């Protein structure tokens, strides 16, 4: 069975928030003397993710009809 994959659309601001959160998690794991390998791999994946221009369509889900 194939592994399920997810694709997220992040702008530069959101990407930096994710990287900062992962770095904070990594710091906590170092303080707790826990392995950081999974977080390190995820930081690398997010930091080196390819960019692609996409058209964003905003949802009107919360607007009154």
C-alpha atoms as a PDB file:
ATOM      1  CA  UNK A   1       0.000   0.000   0.000  1.00  0.00           C
ATOM      2  CA  UNK A   2       1.289   3.450  -0.901  1.00  0.00           C
ATOM      3  CA  UNK A   3       2.035   5.965   1.806  1.00  0.00           C
ATOM      4  CA  UNK A   4      -0.476   8.805   1.974  1.00  0.00           C
ATOM      5  CA  UNK A   5       1.078  12.184   1.165  1.00  0.00           C
ATOM      6  CA  UNK A   6      -0.090  15.731   1.836  1.00  0.00           C
ATOM      7  CA  UNK A   7       0.683  18.918  -0.063  1.00  0.00           C
ATOM      8  CA  UNK A   8       0.423  22.242   1.731  1.00  0.00           C
ATOM      9  CA  UNK A   9       0.382  25.684   0.163  1.00  0.00           C
ATOM     10  CA  UNK A  10       2.399  28.038   2.372  1.00  0.00           C
ATOM     11  CA  UNK A  11       3.577  31.551   1.684  1.00  0.00           C
ATOM     12  CA  UNK A  12       6.963  32.745   2.984  1.00  0.00           C
ATOM     13  CA  UNK A  13       5.424  33.996   6.225  1.00  0.00           C
ATOM     14  CA  UNK A  14       3.667  30.693   6.980  1.00  0.00           C
ATOM     15  CA  UNK A  15       6.769  28.689   6.043  1.00  0.00           C
ATOM     16  CA  UNK A  16       8.811  30.686   8.558  1.00  0.00           C
ATOM     17  CA  UNK A  17       6.187  30.066  11.267  1.00  0.00           C
ATOM     18  CA  UNK A  18       6.363  26.309  10.628  1.00  0.00           C
ATOM     19  CA  UNK A  19      10.178  26.338  10.699  1.00  0.00           C
ATOM     20  CA  UNK A  20      10.243  28.347  13.931  1.00  0.00           C
ATOM     21  CA  UNK A  21       7.752  25.960  15.558  1.00  0.00           C
ATOM     22  CA  UNK A  22       9.798  22.942  14.489  1.00  0.00           C
ATOM     23  CA  UNK A  23      12.972  24.557  15.790  1.00  0.00           C
ATOM     24  CA  UNK A  24      11.272  25.207  19.141  1.00  0.00           C
ATOM     25  CA  UNK A  25      10.198  21.561  19.280  1.00  0.00           C
ATOM     26  CA  UNK A  26      13.760  20.482  18.463  1.00  0.00           C
ATOM     27  CA  UNK A  27      15.125  22.674  21.259  1.00  0.00           C
ATOM     28  CA  UNK A  28      12.661  21.148  23.739  1.00  0.00           C
ATOM     29  CA  UNK A  29      13.657  17.639  22.705  1.00  0.00           C
ATOM     30  CA  UNK A  30      17.349  18.461  23.157  1.00  0.00           C
ATOM     31  CA  UNK A  31      16.607  19.773  26.666  1.00  0.00           C
ATOM     32  CA  UNK A  32      14.696  16.575  27.458  1.00  0.00           C
ATOM     33  CA  UNK A  33      17.571  14.516  25.993  1.00  0.00           C
ATOM     34  CA  UNK A  34      15.273  12.930  23.415  1.00  0.00           C
ATOM     35  CA  UNK A  35      16.327  12.098  19.835  1.00  0.00           C
ATOM     36  CA  UNK A  36      15.764  14.893  17.321  1.00  0.00           C
ATOM     37  CA  UNK A  37      16.212  12.919  14.090  1.00  0.00           C
ATOM     38  CA  UNK A  38      12.542  12.989  12.962  1.00  0.00           C
ATOM     39  CA  UNK A  39      12.258  16.730  13.619  1.00  0.00           C
ATOM     40  CA  UNK A  40      15.597  17.376  11.884  1.00  0.00           C
ATOM     41  CA  UNK A  41      14.365  15.541   8.787  1.00  0.00           C
ATOM     42  CA  UNK A  42      11.112  17.496   8.768  1.00  0.00           C
ATOM     43  CA  UNK A  43      12.950  20.814   9.161  1.00  0.00           C
ATOM     44  CA  UNK A  44      15.119  19.892   6.186  1.00  0.00           C
ATOM     45  CA  UNK A  45      12.080  18.849   4.132  1.00  0.00           C
ATOM     46  CA  UNK A  46      10.226  22.097   4.814  1.00  0.00           C
ATOM     47  CA  UNK A  47      13.292  24.292   4.357  1.00  0.00           C
ATOM     48  CA  UNK A  48      14.234  22.740   1.011  1.00  0.00           C
ATOM     49  CA  UNK A  49      10.731  22.182  -0.378  1.00  0.00           C
ATOM     50  CA  UNK A  50      10.391  23.225  -4.009  1.00  0.00           C
ATOM     51  CA  UNK A  51       8.282  26.261  -4.776  1.00  0.00           C
ATOM     52  CA  UNK A  52       5.490  26.372  -7.292  1.00  0.00           C
ATOM     53  CA  UNK A  53       3.251  29.255  -8.268  1.00  0.00           C
ATOM     54  CA  UNK A  54      -0.394  28.387  -7.741  1.00  0.00           C
ATOM     55  CA  UNK A  55      -3.653  30.278  -7.993  1.00  0.00           C
ATOM     56  CA  UNK A  56      -5.380  30.487  -4.624  1.00  0.00           C
ATOM     57  CA  UNK A  57      -9.173  30.524  -4.575  1.00  0.00           C
ATOM     58  CA  UNK A  58     -10.599  31.758  -1.298  1.00  0.00           C
ATOM     59  CA  UNK A  59     -13.493  29.829   0.203  1.00  0.00           C
ATOM     60  CA  UNK A  60     -16.726  31.631   1.001  1.00  0.00           C
ATOM     61  CA  UNK A  61     -17.712  28.988   3.532  1.00  0.00           C
ATOM     62  CA  UNK A  62     -18.228  31.371   6.456  1.00  0.00           C
ATOM     63  CA  UNK A  63     -20.128  34.076   4.608  1.00  0.00           C
ATOM     64  CA  UNK A  64     -23.863  34.415   5.108  1.00  0.00           C
ATOM     65  CA  UNK A  65     -25.997  33.364   2.162  1.00  0.00           C
END
